[in-house]
Structure formats: structure tokens, C-alpha cells
Amino acid sequence: MPRAGAEQMAALIKAYGIDLGTTNSTLAVVEAPADLADLPRADAVEIEQPTTAGAKISAVVPSVVAVHAGQVWVGEGANGLRALAADPKKNIIRYRTLFYETKNEIGTSRTYAGESGIASPVDVAGRVLRFIKEAGIDAGGAAGVVVTVPASFQMLQRQDTLLACKQAGLEVDGGRLLDEPCAAFIDYISRNGAGLGELGADRRN
């Protein structure tokens, strides 16, 4: 029995999907049998996120980056530091040591006078993606990584997203930069494929 279990595990295909969001980001792992005999299964990955008050584990990663006390914080740790921005003694200053909702500026020429080499929306996105990659992706068994983008993203926004992926050490070519509606539809058909009806027939799903 143990041997059969090991063979079954070896026959699995594993891939990851990252939703790089304006406010929050998340990571999903998708596993399917190599022969695709069964539908793939997708699960959100819970990620340990250091904070000044200890680690928090959540599948939701705030798309926030902060530089504080000689350290770069990402996710819940950075989000918690936003509350200190009202205290000038804490030196938590937006676009210098605190960065959030910068996805709205990706694909533009906006630059920041940020510390720790954070000088653009691409740098912020790259930090968020690298954090998710290092904290949640099992490099040893993954077939690949897909990053989703809004369908409304234009060429410059997509190019900057690819640059952020490169900064994060993610190999994401144009085919793995997936529009969010396409990702949602792929997930839908993977879960409801048997009920989609015959090919060629008109149907509202």
C-alpha cells in the first residue's frame, strides 16, 4: 500500500496560480492526475506572514509593502504598519516607506522615492510576487506558475506585470499571463465539465 501511494503521488501534475490584486493577492495550487482521468483540484494556499506582533497565517496576502526597522515587510506585516503612518515619529510615509494599491499605477511612468530600492509600481509588485513565491510555492514539484491580470490591462500594464514576475524569479511568459475572466472560466469548466452540454450547442453558463 505505501508503494502504491507513492506512485499515485508521483503521477500528479501540480501547478500554481497567483492572483496579483490591487488590495489583496492570493495563491492557489492545482493538482491533477497525469492522465487527466479526473478533474483537477484547486485549493488556496495559506501563507505564513510575519508581522511585528508575530506571524499570521492566511490565504489572503495584502498587496502592501513597507520598509521599517531595517526590514522589508510584505503582506499582513506591512498592512499592520499602515496604522503607524499617522505618527510622524514612526517614519511610515506613503511612497517612501509604505506602498499600497500601486497596481493602479502599473504600466505608467510613475516613480517613487522609496527606500530599499523600491522605485516603481513594478518594484512593489515584484516584492509581493517574490514573497508569495518564496512562502507558498513548492519549487520541487511544480509544473509551472500562472499570474492573472485584469482583462482591461493594456500592453504596457502587461509588460510591467511580466517585469515584476521576472524580478520575483517567476518564469511567466505571455501564455502564462492569464486574463482573470479566462481563469474563472477554466476553473468553472474544470468543476462543471460534465454539465456543459454538447460541443457546438448554444448554452448560457
N, C-alpha and C. Protein backbone atom coordinates (compact mmCIF):
# COMPACT_ATOMS: atom_id res chain seq x y z
N MET A 1 0.81 -1.22 0.00
CA MET A 1 0.00 0.00 0.00
C MET A 1 0.85 1.28 0.00
N PRO A 2 1.90 1.37 0.83
CA PRO A 2 2.72 2.59 0.79
C PRO A 2 3.31 2.85 -0.59
N ARG A 3 3.70 1.76 -1.28
CA ARG A 3 4.29 1.94 -2.59
C ARG A 3 3.27 2.49 -3.58
N ALA A 4 2.05 1.96 -3.52
CA ALA A 4 1.01 2.45 -4.42
C ALA A 4 0.72 3.91 -4.17
N GLY A 5 0.73 4.30 -2.90
CA GLY A 5 0.50 5.71 -2.58
C GLY A 5 1.58 6.59 -3.16
N ALA A 6 2.83 6.15 -3.09
CA ALA A 6 3.95 6.93 -3.64
C ALA A 6 3.82 7.06 -5.15
N GLU A 7 3.40 5.97 -5.82
CA GLU A 7 3.23 6.02 -7.26
C GLU A 7 2.11 6.99 -7.64
N GLN A 8 1.03 6.99 -6.83
CA GLN A 8 -0.07 7.89 -7.11
C GLN A 8 0.38 9.34 -6.97
N MET A 9 1.19 9.65 -5.93
CA MET A 9 1.68 11.00 -5.75
C MET A 9 2.57 11.42 -6.91
N ALA A 10 3.41 10.48 -7.38
CA ALA A 10 4.33 10.80 -8.48
C ALA A 10 3.56 11.07 -9.77
N ALA A 11 2.34 10.54 -9.87
CA ALA A 11 1.57 10.69 -11.10
C ALA A 11 0.76 11.97 -11.12
N LEU A 12 0.92 12.81 -10.10
CA LEU A 12 0.18 14.06 -10.05
C LEU A 12 0.91 15.17 -10.79
N ILE A 13 0.15 16.02 -11.47
CA ILE A 13 0.67 17.25 -12.04
C ILE A 13 0.28 18.39 -11.10
N LYS A 14 1.25 19.21 -10.76
CA LYS A 14 0.99 20.33 -9.85
C LYS A 14 1.38 21.64 -10.52
N ALA A 15 0.51 22.63 -10.40
CA ALA A 15 0.80 23.96 -10.92
C ALA A 15 0.23 24.98 -9.95
N TYR A 16 0.67 26.23 -10.10
CA TYR A 16 0.23 27.29 -9.20
C TYR A 16 -0.34 28.46 -9.99
N GLY A 17 -1.27 29.16 -9.37
CA GLY A 17 -1.82 30.38 -9.94
C GLY A 17 -1.78 31.49 -8.91
N ILE A 18 -1.31 32.65 -9.31
CA ILE A 18 -1.25 33.81 -8.42
C ILE A 18 -2.19 34.89 -8.94
N ASP A 19 -3.09 35.32 -8.07
CA ASP A 19 -3.92 36.49 -8.38
C ASP A 19 -3.25 37.69 -7.74
N LEU A 20 -2.60 38.50 -8.55
CA LEU A 20 -1.93 39.71 -8.07
C LEU A 20 -2.96 40.82 -8.03
N GLY A 21 -3.51 41.10 -6.86
CA GLY A 21 -4.61 42.04 -6.75
C GLY A 21 -4.17 43.43 -6.33
N THR A 22 -5.07 44.39 -6.52
CA THR A 22 -4.80 45.76 -6.11
C THR A 22 -4.73 45.88 -4.59
N THR A 23 -5.69 45.25 -3.91
CA THR A 23 -5.76 45.32 -2.45
C THR A 23 -5.17 44.08 -1.81
N ASN A 24 -5.54 42.91 -2.31
CA ASN A 24 -5.05 41.64 -1.78
C ASN A 24 -4.61 40.73 -2.92
N SER A 25 -3.70 39.83 -2.61
CA SER A 25 -3.27 38.82 -3.56
C SER A 25 -3.47 37.44 -2.92
N THR A 26 -3.48 36.42 -3.76
CA THR A 26 -3.64 35.07 -3.22
C THR A 26 -2.97 34.07 -4.14
N LEU A 27 -2.69 32.90 -3.59
CA LEU A 27 -2.02 31.82 -4.31
C LEU A 27 -2.89 30.59 -4.27
N ALA A 28 -3.04 29.92 -5.41
CA ALA A 28 -3.77 28.66 -5.48
C ALA A 28 -2.86 27.58 -6.03
N VAL A 29 -3.02 26.37 -5.54
CA VAL A 29 -2.30 25.22 -6.08
C VAL A 29 -3.32 24.32 -6.76
N VAL A 30 -2.98 23.86 -7.95
CA VAL A 30 -3.88 22.99 -8.71
C VAL A 30 -3.17 21.66 -8.93
N GLU A 31 -3.85 20.58 -8.57
CA GLU A 31 -3.29 19.24 -8.76
C GLU A 31 -4.25 18.41 -9.59
N ALA A 32 -3.67 17.62 -10.49
CA ALA A 32 -4.48 16.75 -11.35
C ALA A 32 -3.69 15.49 -11.63
N PRO A 33 -4.36 14.36 -11.85
CA PRO A 33 -3.63 13.15 -12.24
C PRO A 33 -2.99 13.33 -13.60
N ALA A 34 -1.82 12.75 -13.78
CA ALA A 34 -1.07 12.93 -15.02
C ALA A 34 -1.86 12.48 -16.25
N ASP A 35 -2.73 11.48 -16.08
CA ASP A 35 -3.52 11.00 -17.21
C ASP A 35 -4.81 11.80 -17.40
N LEU A 36 -5.02 12.81 -16.52
CA LEU A 36 -6.20 13.69 -16.59
C LEU A 36 -7.50 12.90 -16.56
N ALA A 37 -7.47 11.76 -15.87
CA ALA A 37 -8.67 10.94 -15.77
C ALA A 37 -9.72 11.58 -14.87
N ASP A 38 -9.27 12.41 -13.94
CA ASP A 38 -10.19 13.11 -13.05
C ASP A 38 -10.00 14.61 -13.21
N LEU A 39 -11.01 15.36 -12.78
CA LEU A 39 -10.92 16.81 -12.84
C LEU A 39 -9.83 17.33 -11.90
N PRO A 40 -9.14 18.41 -12.28
CA PRO A 40 -8.13 18.98 -11.38
C PRO A 40 -8.79 19.57 -10.14
N ARG A 41 -8.00 19.64 -9.07
CA ARG A 41 -8.48 20.21 -7.82
C ARG A 41 -7.66 21.44 -7.51
N ALA A 42 -8.35 22.54 -7.20
CA ALA A 42 -7.67 23.79 -6.86
C ALA A 42 -7.95 24.14 -5.41
N ASP A 43 -6.90 24.53 -4.70
CA ASP A 43 -7.02 24.91 -3.30
C ASP A 43 -6.21 26.18 -3.05
N ALA A 44 -6.74 27.07 -2.24
CA ALA A 44 -5.99 28.25 -1.82
C ALA A 44 -4.87 27.81 -0.88
N VAL A 45 -3.74 28.49 -0.98
CA VAL A 45 -2.58 28.16 -0.15
C VAL A 45 -2.50 29.18 1.00
N GLU A 46 -2.48 28.67 2.21
CA GLU A 46 -2.32 29.56 3.36
C GLU A 46 -0.84 29.87 3.53
N ILE A 47 -0.54 31.14 3.70
CA ILE A 47 0.84 31.61 3.73
C ILE A 47 1.15 32.24 5.08
N GLU A 48 2.27 31.87 5.64
CA GLU A 48 2.72 32.48 6.90
C GLU A 48 3.31 33.86 6.61
N GLN A 49 2.75 34.87 7.27
CA GLN A 49 3.14 36.26 7.01
C GLN A 49 3.65 36.90 8.31
N PRO A 50 4.95 37.16 8.40
CA PRO A 50 5.50 37.78 9.61
C PRO A 50 4.93 39.18 9.84
N THR A 51 4.65 39.49 11.09
CA THR A 51 4.24 40.82 11.49
C THR A 51 5.05 41.23 12.71
N THR A 52 4.93 42.47 13.11
CA THR A 52 5.66 42.93 14.30
C THR A 52 5.12 42.29 15.57
N ALA A 53 3.93 41.68 15.49
CA ALA A 53 3.33 41.05 16.66
C ALA A 53 3.33 39.52 16.55
N GLY A 54 4.13 38.98 15.64
CA GLY A 54 4.15 37.54 15.41
C GLY A 54 3.56 37.20 14.06
N ALA A 55 3.68 35.93 13.68
CA ALA A 55 3.25 35.52 12.34
C ALA A 55 1.75 35.33 12.28
N LYS A 56 1.18 35.65 11.13
CA LYS A 56 -0.22 35.40 10.83
C LYS A 56 -0.29 34.50 9.60
N ILE A 57 -1.12 33.48 9.67
CA ILE A 57 -1.26 32.55 8.55
C ILE A 57 -2.61 32.78 7.89
N SER A 58 -2.57 33.08 6.59
CA SER A 58 -3.80 33.36 5.85
C SER A 58 -3.57 33.12 4.37
N ALA A 59 -4.67 32.77 3.67
CA ALA A 59 -4.59 32.63 2.21
C ALA A 59 -4.68 33.99 1.53
N VAL A 60 -5.03 35.02 2.28
CA VAL A 60 -5.13 36.38 1.75
C VAL A 60 -3.85 37.14 2.11
N VAL A 61 -3.16 37.63 1.09
CA VAL A 61 -1.92 38.39 1.29
C VAL A 61 -2.18 39.83 0.87
N PRO A 62 -2.26 40.77 1.82
CA PRO A 62 -2.43 42.17 1.41
C PRO A 62 -1.31 42.60 0.47
N SER A 63 -1.66 43.29 -0.61
CA SER A 63 -0.67 43.74 -1.59
C SER A 63 -0.01 45.03 -1.09
N VAL A 64 0.62 44.92 0.06
CA VAL A 64 1.22 46.06 0.75
C VAL A 64 2.67 45.74 1.04
N VAL A 65 3.54 46.73 0.83
CA VAL A 65 4.97 46.59 1.12
C VAL A 65 5.37 47.77 2.01
N ALA A 66 6.16 47.50 3.04
CA ALA A 66 6.63 48.56 3.93
C ALA A 66 8.08 48.32 4.29
N VAL A 67 8.80 49.42 4.49
CA VAL A 67 10.19 49.35 4.96
C VAL A 67 10.19 49.93 6.37
N HIS A 68 10.58 49.11 7.35
CA HIS A 68 10.52 49.54 8.74
C HIS A 68 11.55 48.78 9.57
N ALA A 69 12.25 49.53 10.41
CA ALA A 69 13.24 48.94 11.32
C ALA A 69 14.27 48.11 10.57
N GLY A 70 14.70 48.63 9.42
CA GLY A 70 15.74 47.95 8.65
C GLY A 70 15.29 46.70 7.96
N GLN A 71 13.98 46.51 7.78
CA GLN A 71 13.44 45.29 7.19
C GLN A 71 12.33 45.64 6.21
N VAL A 72 12.21 44.84 5.14
CA VAL A 72 11.11 44.99 4.20
C VAL A 72 10.01 44.02 4.60
N TRP A 73 8.81 44.55 4.83
CA TRP A 73 7.66 43.76 5.23
C TRP A 73 6.68 43.67 4.05
N VAL A 74 6.09 42.50 3.88
CA VAL A 74 5.13 42.30 2.81
C VAL A 74 3.90 41.59 3.39
N GLY A 75 2.73 41.95 2.90
CA GLY A 75 1.52 41.28 3.34
C GLY A 75 0.99 41.83 4.65
N GLU A 76 0.58 40.94 5.55
CA GLU A 76 -0.02 41.36 6.81
C GLU A 76 0.93 42.21 7.64
N GLY A 77 2.22 41.91 7.60
CA GLY A 77 3.18 42.70 8.35
C GLY A 77 3.21 44.14 7.88
N ALA A 78 3.21 44.33 6.56
CA ALA A 78 3.21 45.69 6.01
C ALA A 78 1.87 46.37 6.23
N ASN A 79 0.79 45.59 6.11
CA ASN A 79 -0.54 46.16 6.28
C ASN A 79 -0.73 46.67 7.72
N GLY A 80 -0.18 45.95 8.68
CA GLY A 80 -0.27 46.39 10.06
C GLY A 80 0.49 47.68 10.31
N LEU A 81 1.55 47.90 9.56
CA LEU A 81 2.34 49.12 9.73
C LEU A 81 1.63 50.35 9.17
N ARG A 82 0.61 50.15 8.35
CA ARG A 82 -0.14 51.30 7.82
C ARG A 82 -0.76 52.12 8.95
N ALA A 83 -1.11 51.47 10.05
CA ALA A 83 -1.71 52.18 11.17
C ALA A 83 -0.74 53.15 11.83
N LEU A 84 0.57 52.94 11.61
CA LEU A 84 1.58 53.81 12.21
C LEU A 84 1.85 55.05 11.36
N ALA A 85 1.25 55.10 10.17
CA ALA A 85 1.55 56.21 9.26
C ALA A 85 1.11 57.56 9.84
N ALA A 86 0.16 57.54 10.75
CA ALA A 86 -0.31 58.80 11.34
C ALA A 86 0.69 59.38 12.35
N ASP A 87 1.63 58.57 12.80
CA ASP A 87 2.62 59.02 13.78
C ASP A 87 3.91 59.40 13.04
N PRO A 88 4.24 60.69 12.93
CA PRO A 88 5.44 61.10 12.17
C PRO A 88 6.74 60.53 12.74
N LYS A 89 6.74 60.15 14.01
CA LYS A 89 7.95 59.59 14.61
C LYS A 89 8.28 58.19 14.08
N LYS A 90 7.27 57.52 13.52
CA LYS A 90 7.47 56.14 13.04
C LYS A 90 8.09 56.10 11.64
N ASN A 91 8.11 57.23 10.94
CA ASN A 91 8.71 57.31 9.61
C ASN A 91 8.06 56.34 8.63
N ILE A 92 6.74 56.17 8.75
CA ILE A 92 5.98 55.35 7.81
C ILE A 92 5.30 56.32 6.85
N ILE A 93 5.90 56.52 5.70
CA ILE A 93 5.46 57.55 4.76
C ILE A 93 5.13 56.90 3.43
N ARG A 94 3.92 57.19 2.93
CA ARG A 94 3.50 56.58 1.68
C ARG A 94 4.41 57.00 0.53
N TYR A 95 4.72 56.02 -0.31
CA TYR A 95 5.59 56.16 -1.48
C TYR A 95 7.07 56.36 -1.11
N ARG A 96 7.38 56.29 0.18
CA ARG A 96 8.78 56.27 0.58
C ARG A 96 9.11 55.01 1.37
N THR A 97 8.31 54.76 2.41
CA THR A 97 8.49 53.53 3.18
C THR A 97 7.21 52.69 3.24
N LEU A 98 6.16 53.13 2.59
CA LEU A 98 4.89 52.40 2.61
C LEU A 98 4.27 52.46 1.21
N PHE A 99 3.88 51.28 0.69
CA PHE A 99 3.37 51.19 -0.68
C PHE A 99 2.14 50.27 -0.69
N TYR A 100 1.03 50.81 -1.17
CA TYR A 100 -0.18 50.00 -1.29
C TYR A 100 -1.05 50.55 -2.43
N GLU A 101 -1.88 49.66 -2.98
CA GLU A 101 -2.74 49.96 -4.14
C GLU A 101 -1.94 50.50 -5.32
N THR A 102 -0.71 50.07 -5.45
CA THR A 102 0.14 50.57 -6.54
C THR A 102 -0.11 49.83 -7.86
N LYS A 103 -0.92 48.77 -7.81
CA LYS A 103 -1.27 48.10 -9.06
C LYS A 103 -2.02 49.07 -9.99
N ASN A 104 -2.71 50.04 -9.39
CA ASN A 104 -3.41 51.04 -10.20
C ASN A 104 -2.44 51.88 -11.04
N GLU A 105 -1.16 51.88 -10.67
CA GLU A 105 -0.17 52.71 -11.36
C GLU A 105 0.78 51.89 -12.23
N ILE A 106 0.58 50.57 -12.27
CA ILE A 106 1.45 49.74 -13.08
C ILE A 106 1.19 50.03 -14.55
N GLY A 107 2.24 50.06 -15.34
CA GLY A 107 2.11 50.42 -16.75
C GLY A 107 2.22 51.90 -17.00
N THR A 108 2.44 52.69 -15.95
CA THR A 108 2.63 54.13 -16.08
C THR A 108 4.09 54.48 -15.84
N SER A 109 4.41 55.75 -15.97
CA SER A 109 5.78 56.20 -15.74
C SER A 109 6.00 56.67 -14.30
N ARG A 110 5.06 56.36 -13.41
CA ARG A 110 5.15 56.80 -12.02
C ARG A 110 6.40 56.22 -11.35
N THR A 111 7.12 57.06 -10.63
CA THR A 111 8.29 56.63 -9.87
C THR A 111 8.13 57.06 -8.42
N TYR A 112 8.81 56.34 -7.53
CA TYR A 112 8.75 56.62 -6.10
C TYR A 112 10.15 56.93 -5.59
N ALA A 113 10.21 57.75 -4.55
CA ALA A 113 11.48 57.99 -3.86
C ALA A 113 11.57 57.01 -2.69
N GLY A 114 11.40 55.75 -3.01
CA GLY A 114 11.29 54.72 -1.98
C GLY A 114 12.63 54.23 -1.47
N GLU A 115 12.61 53.71 -0.27
CA GLU A 115 13.80 53.12 0.33
C GLU A 115 13.91 51.65 -0.08
N SER A 116 15.08 51.08 0.14
CA SER A 116 15.36 49.67 -0.18
C SER A 116 15.14 49.33 -1.64
N GLY A 117 15.40 50.31 -2.52
CA GLY A 117 15.33 50.05 -3.95
C GLY A 117 13.93 49.98 -4.52
N ILE A 118 12.94 50.44 -3.79
CA ILE A 118 11.57 50.42 -4.29
C ILE A 118 11.30 51.75 -4.97
N ALA A 119 11.31 51.74 -6.29
CA ALA A 119 11.25 52.99 -7.04
C ALA A 119 10.12 53.06 -8.04
N SER A 120 9.30 52.00 -8.14
CA SER A 120 8.24 51.99 -9.14
C SER A 120 7.17 50.98 -8.75
N PRO A 121 5.99 51.06 -9.41
CA PRO A 121 4.96 50.04 -9.17
C PRO A 121 5.44 48.63 -9.49
N VAL A 122 6.33 48.50 -10.47
CA VAL A 122 6.88 47.19 -10.81
C VAL A 122 7.65 46.62 -9.63
N ASP A 123 8.43 47.47 -8.93
CA ASP A 123 9.20 47.01 -7.78
C ASP A 123 8.29 46.52 -6.66
N VAL A 124 7.18 47.23 -6.45
CA VAL A 124 6.24 46.81 -5.41
C VAL A 124 5.62 45.47 -5.76
N ALA A 125 5.14 45.35 -7.00
CA ALA A 125 4.53 44.10 -7.45
C ALA A 125 5.54 42.96 -7.39
N GLY A 126 6.78 43.25 -7.76
CA GLY A 126 7.82 42.22 -7.70
C GLY A 126 8.05 41.73 -6.29
N ARG A 127 8.00 42.64 -5.31
CA ARG A 127 8.19 42.25 -3.90
C ARG A 127 7.04 41.36 -3.43
N VAL A 128 5.81 41.72 -3.81
CA VAL A 128 4.66 40.92 -3.41
C VAL A 128 4.74 39.53 -4.04
N LEU A 129 5.06 39.47 -5.32
CA LEU A 129 5.15 38.18 -6.02
C LEU A 129 6.28 37.32 -5.46
N ARG A 130 7.42 37.94 -5.17
CA ARG A 130 8.54 37.17 -4.61
C ARG A 130 8.18 36.60 -3.24
N PHE A 131 7.51 37.40 -2.42
CA PHE A 131 7.10 36.93 -1.10
C PHE A 131 6.19 35.71 -1.23
N ILE A 132 5.19 35.80 -2.13
CA ILE A 132 4.28 34.68 -2.32
C ILE A 132 5.02 33.46 -2.84
N LYS A 133 5.92 33.68 -3.78
CA LYS A 133 6.70 32.57 -4.35
C LYS A 133 7.51 31.86 -3.28
N GLU A 134 8.25 32.63 -2.49
CA GLU A 134 9.15 32.03 -1.51
C GLU A 134 8.39 31.40 -0.34
N ALA A 135 7.22 31.96 -0.02
CA ALA A 135 6.48 31.47 1.14
C ALA A 135 5.52 30.33 0.81
N GLY A 136 5.07 30.25 -0.45
CA GLY A 136 4.00 29.31 -0.73
C GLY A 136 4.19 28.33 -1.86
N ILE A 137 5.22 28.50 -2.69
CA ILE A 137 5.37 27.63 -3.86
C ILE A 137 6.44 26.57 -3.62
N ASP A 138 6.05 25.34 -3.83
CA ASP A 138 6.97 24.21 -3.72
C ASP A 138 7.70 24.06 -5.06
N ALA A 139 8.90 24.61 -5.11
CA ALA A 139 9.63 24.65 -6.39
C ALA A 139 9.95 23.26 -6.91
N GLY A 140 10.04 22.28 -6.03
CA GLY A 140 10.46 20.95 -6.45
C GLY A 140 9.44 20.20 -7.28
N GLY A 141 8.13 20.49 -7.07
CA GLY A 141 7.14 19.66 -7.74
C GLY A 141 6.16 20.41 -8.60
N ALA A 142 6.49 21.63 -9.00
CA ALA A 142 5.52 22.44 -9.73
C ALA A 142 5.75 22.38 -11.23
N ALA A 143 4.66 22.22 -11.98
CA ALA A 143 4.75 22.21 -13.43
C ALA A 143 4.85 23.62 -13.99
N GLY A 144 4.42 24.61 -13.25
CA GLY A 144 4.50 25.98 -13.74
C GLY A 144 3.66 26.91 -12.89
N VAL A 145 3.77 28.19 -13.20
CA VAL A 145 3.05 29.23 -12.48
C VAL A 145 2.33 30.12 -13.48
N VAL A 146 1.09 30.46 -13.17
CA VAL A 146 0.29 31.39 -13.96
C VAL A 146 -0.01 32.59 -13.08
N VAL A 147 0.06 33.79 -13.64
CA VAL A 147 -0.31 35.01 -12.93
C VAL A 147 -1.47 35.64 -13.68
N THR A 148 -2.52 35.99 -12.96
CA THR A 148 -3.69 36.57 -13.61
C THR A 148 -3.62 38.10 -13.63
N VAL A 149 -4.23 38.67 -14.66
CA VAL A 149 -4.31 40.13 -14.81
C VAL A 149 -5.73 40.49 -15.24
N PRO A 150 -6.17 41.70 -14.97
CA PRO A 150 -7.49 42.12 -15.45
C PRO A 150 -7.56 42.09 -16.98
N ALA A 151 -8.71 41.74 -17.51
CA ALA A 151 -8.87 41.71 -18.96
C ALA A 151 -8.68 43.10 -19.56
N SER A 152 -8.88 44.13 -18.75
CA SER A 152 -8.75 45.50 -19.25
C SER A 152 -7.30 45.97 -19.34
N PHE A 153 -6.35 45.18 -18.83
CA PHE A 153 -4.94 45.58 -18.87
C PHE A 153 -4.48 45.75 -20.31
N GLN A 154 -3.82 46.88 -20.59
CA GLN A 154 -3.27 47.16 -21.89
C GLN A 154 -1.83 46.65 -21.98
N MET A 155 -1.21 46.86 -23.14
CA MET A 155 0.10 46.28 -23.41
C MET A 155 1.14 46.68 -22.36
N LEU A 156 1.23 47.97 -22.02
CA LEU A 156 2.23 48.43 -21.06
C LEU A 156 2.00 47.83 -19.68
N GLN A 157 0.74 47.70 -19.29
CA GLN A 157 0.43 47.10 -17.99
C GLN A 157 0.84 45.63 -17.96
N ARG A 158 0.62 44.94 -19.06
CA ARG A 158 1.01 43.53 -19.13
C ARG A 158 2.53 43.39 -19.14
N GLN A 159 3.19 44.27 -19.87
CA GLN A 159 4.66 44.22 -19.90
C GLN A 159 5.24 44.48 -18.51
N ASP A 160 4.69 45.44 -17.78
CA ASP A 160 5.18 45.72 -16.44
C ASP A 160 4.90 44.57 -15.49
N THR A 161 3.77 43.88 -15.67
CA THR A 161 3.48 42.71 -14.84
C THR A 161 4.50 41.61 -15.10
N LEU A 162 4.86 41.42 -16.38
CA LEU A 162 5.90 40.43 -16.70
C LEU A 162 7.24 40.82 -16.10
N LEU A 163 7.56 42.13 -16.08
CA LEU A 163 8.80 42.58 -15.44
C LEU A 163 8.78 42.29 -13.95
N ALA A 164 7.63 42.50 -13.32
CA ALA A 164 7.51 42.21 -11.89
C ALA A 164 7.70 40.71 -11.62
N CYS A 165 7.14 39.88 -12.50
CA CYS A 165 7.33 38.44 -12.37
C CYS A 165 8.81 38.08 -12.49
N LYS A 166 9.50 38.71 -13.43
CA LYS A 166 10.93 38.46 -13.60
C LYS A 166 11.71 38.85 -12.37
N GLN A 167 11.37 40.01 -11.78
CA GLN A 167 12.03 40.44 -10.55
C GLN A 167 11.82 39.42 -9.43
N ALA A 168 10.64 38.78 -9.43
CA ALA A 168 10.31 37.82 -8.39
C ALA A 168 10.91 36.45 -8.63
N GLY A 169 11.55 36.27 -9.80
CA GLY A 169 12.11 34.97 -10.12
C GLY A 169 11.09 33.98 -10.63
N LEU A 170 9.98 34.49 -11.17
CA LEU A 170 8.94 33.63 -11.72
C LEU A 170 9.08 33.57 -13.24
N GLU A 171 9.07 32.38 -13.79
CA GLU A 171 9.14 32.21 -15.23
C GLU A 171 7.72 32.23 -15.79
N VAL A 172 7.28 33.41 -16.16
CA VAL A 172 5.92 33.60 -16.66
C VAL A 172 6.01 34.26 -18.02
N ASP A 173 5.81 33.49 -19.08
CA ASP A 173 5.81 34.08 -20.41
C ASP A 173 4.41 34.58 -20.73
N GLY A 174 4.21 35.12 -21.92
CA GLY A 174 2.92 35.68 -22.28
C GLY A 174 1.78 34.71 -22.17
N GLY A 175 2.04 33.42 -22.43
CA GLY A 175 0.99 32.42 -22.34
C GLY A 175 0.55 32.11 -20.93
N ARG A 176 1.38 32.48 -19.96
CA ARG A 176 1.02 32.22 -18.57
C ARG A 176 0.64 33.49 -17.83
N LEU A 177 0.44 34.55 -18.58
CA LEU A 177 -0.15 35.76 -18.04
C LEU A 177 -1.62 35.71 -18.47
N LEU A 178 -2.49 35.30 -17.57
CA LEU A 178 -3.84 34.89 -17.94
C LEU A 178 -4.87 35.94 -17.51
N ASP A 179 -5.76 36.29 -18.43
CA ASP A 179 -6.84 37.22 -18.09
C ASP A 179 -7.74 36.60 -17.02
N GLU A 180 -8.15 37.41 -16.05
CA GLU A 180 -8.95 36.91 -14.94
C GLU A 180 -10.25 36.23 -15.38
N PRO A 181 -11.00 36.78 -16.36
CA PRO A 181 -12.22 36.07 -16.79
C PRO A 181 -11.91 34.69 -17.39
N CYS A 182 -10.78 34.57 -18.08
CA CYS A 182 -10.40 33.27 -18.64
C CYS A 182 -10.07 32.28 -17.52
N ALA A 183 -9.37 32.77 -16.49
CA ALA A 183 -9.04 31.91 -15.35
C ALA A 183 -10.31 31.43 -14.66
N ALA A 184 -11.28 32.35 -14.50
CA ALA A 184 -12.54 31.97 -13.86
C ALA A 184 -13.29 30.94 -14.69
N PHE A 185 -13.27 31.09 -16.03
CA PHE A 185 -13.97 30.16 -16.90
C PHE A 185 -13.30 28.79 -16.89
N ILE A 186 -11.97 28.78 -16.90
CA ILE A 186 -11.25 27.50 -16.84
C ILE A 186 -11.58 26.76 -15.55
N ASP A 187 -11.64 27.52 -14.45
CA ASP A 187 -12.00 26.90 -13.17
C ASP A 187 -13.43 26.36 -13.23
N TYR A 188 -14.32 27.13 -13.85
CA TYR A 188 -15.73 26.71 -13.93
C TYR A 188 -15.86 25.40 -14.72
N ILE A 189 -15.23 25.34 -15.88
CA ILE A 189 -15.39 24.13 -16.69
C ILE A 189 -14.69 22.93 -16.06
N SER A 190 -13.61 23.18 -15.27
CA SER A 190 -12.93 22.07 -14.61
C SER A 190 -13.82 21.46 -13.52
N ARG A 191 -14.70 22.29 -12.93
CA ARG A 191 -15.58 21.80 -11.87
C ARG A 191 -16.93 21.34 -12.39
N ASN A 192 -17.34 21.82 -13.56
CA ASN A 192 -18.68 21.55 -14.06
C ASN A 192 -18.68 21.01 -15.48
N GLY A 193 -17.56 20.41 -15.88
CA GLY A 193 -17.41 19.95 -17.26
C GLY A 193 -18.50 19.01 -17.71
N ALA A 194 -18.96 18.14 -16.80
CA ALA A 194 -19.97 17.14 -17.18
C ALA A 194 -21.32 17.78 -17.48
N GLY A 195 -21.55 18.98 -16.98
CA GLY A 195 -22.85 19.60 -17.18
C GLY A 195 -22.87 20.70 -18.23
N LEU A 196 -21.83 20.81 -19.03
CA LEU A 196 -21.75 21.89 -20.01
C LEU A 196 -22.53 21.61 -21.29
N GLY A 197 -22.94 20.35 -21.48
CA GLY A 197 -23.71 20.03 -22.69
C GLY A 197 -22.80 19.65 -23.85
N GLU A 198 -23.40 19.47 -25.01
CA GLU A 198 -22.67 19.04 -26.18
C GLU A 198 -21.90 20.20 -26.81
N LEU A 199 -20.74 19.88 -27.39
CA LEU A 199 -19.98 20.89 -28.10
C LEU A 199 -20.78 21.41 -29.30
N GLY A 200 -20.73 22.70 -29.53
CA GLY A 200 -21.45 23.29 -30.66
C GLY A 200 -22.83 23.77 -30.33
N ALA A 201 -23.35 23.37 -29.16
CA ALA A 201 -24.71 23.80 -28.78
C ALA A 201 -24.62 25.13 -28.02
N ASP A 202 -25.60 26.01 -28.27
CA ASP A 202 -25.66 27.27 -27.55
C ASP A 202 -26.13 27.02 -26.11
N ARG A 203 -25.43 27.65 -25.16
CA ARG A 203 -25.78 27.45 -23.75
C ARG A 203 -25.24 28.60 -22.94
N ARG A 204 -26.04 29.08 -22.01
CA ARG A 204 -25.59 30.14 -21.10
C ARG A 204 -25.08 29.50 -19.82
N ASN A 205 -23.82 29.79 -19.48
CA ASN A 205 -23.21 29.23 -18.27
C ASN A 205 -22.92 30.36 -17.30
